Amino acid sequence: MSPTPSPGSARPSADELNERIRALWIGPGGHPTLRLTDVQRDEYHRLLAALRDVERGDVVEAA
């Protein structure tokens, strides 16, 4: 579940990225996770960067 699209695929939307971010924080039984693993934390930072890129692109397109 990488935020970076493969060649020829569509870029994830802000909603899709937000859903992936939320999913990282949901633990077993639907309870919030208090700590992320190192791998989850890396994925979280990649998703945040991708979300910033999408949001920045949305602002540029609207301007």
Protein backbone atom coordinates (compact mmCIF):
# COMPACT_ATOMS: atom_id res chain seq x y z
CA MET A 1 0.00 0.00 0.00
CA SER A 2 2.49 2.57 -1.16
CA PRO A 3 1.47 6.23 -1.54
CA THR A 4 3.69 6.48 -4.60
CA PRO A 5 1.75 5.43 -7.69
CA SER A 6 3.27 2.94 -10.07
CA PRO A 7 3.90 4.09 -13.65
CA GLY A 8 0.61 4.54 -15.46
CA SER A 9 -1.52 4.50 -12.30
CA ALA A 10 -3.54 7.39 -10.96
CA ARG A 11 -2.24 9.48 -8.09
CA PRO A 12 -4.09 8.74 -4.82
CA SER A 13 -6.60 11.36 -3.75
CA ALA A 14 -6.45 13.21 -0.44
CA ASP A 15 -9.36 11.08 0.78
CA GLU A 16 -7.51 7.85 -0.08
CA LEU A 17 -4.36 9.05 1.67
CA ASN A 18 -6.32 10.14 4.75
CA GLU A 19 -7.96 6.70 4.88
CA ARG A 20 -4.54 5.01 4.76
CA ILE A 21 -3.26 7.31 7.52
CA ARG A 22 -6.29 6.52 9.70
CA ALA A 23 -5.83 2.79 9.09
CA LEU A 24 -2.31 2.94 10.55
CA TRP A 25 -3.72 4.21 13.83
CA ILE A 26 -6.45 1.58 14.22
CA GLY A 27 -5.34 -1.43 16.22
CA PRO A 28 -6.90 -4.82 16.93
CA GLY A 29 -10.59 -4.64 17.71
CA GLY A 30 -10.86 -1.18 16.17
CA HIS A 31 -9.14 0.49 19.11
CA PRO A 32 -6.64 3.31 18.50
CA THR A 33 -2.99 2.27 18.43
CA LEU A 34 -0.92 4.17 20.95
CA ARG A 35 2.43 3.54 19.27
CA LEU A 36 3.41 2.82 15.71
CA THR A 37 6.15 0.38 14.81
CA ASP A 38 9.19 1.75 13.01
CA VAL A 39 7.80 0.41 9.72
CA GLN A 40 4.39 1.98 10.37
CA ARG A 41 6.01 5.28 11.34
CA ASP A 42 7.99 5.30 8.06
CA GLU A 43 4.79 4.62 6.12
CA TYR A 44 3.00 7.36 8.09
CA HIS A 45 5.65 9.90 7.09
CA ARG A 46 5.49 8.79 3.43
CA LEU A 47 1.71 9.15 3.47
CA LEU A 48 1.91 12.61 5.06
CA ALA A 49 4.40 13.73 2.40
CA ALA A 50 2.14 12.39 -0.36
CA LEU A 51 -0.86 14.13 1.21
CA ARG A 52 1.03 17.44 1.32
CA ASP A 53 1.92 17.02 -2.36
CA VAL A 54 -1.71 16.34 -3.28
CA GLU A 55 -2.97 19.27 -1.22
CA ARG A 56 -0.33 21.59 -2.67
CA GLY A 57 -1.30 20.45 -6.16
CA ASP A 58 -4.97 21.15 -5.38
CA VAL A 59 -4.13 24.71 -4.32
CA VAL A 60 -2.04 25.36 -7.43
CA GLU A 61 -4.78 24.04 -9.71
CA ALA A 62 -7.42 26.21 -8.01
CA ALA A 63 -5.35 29.38 -8.20
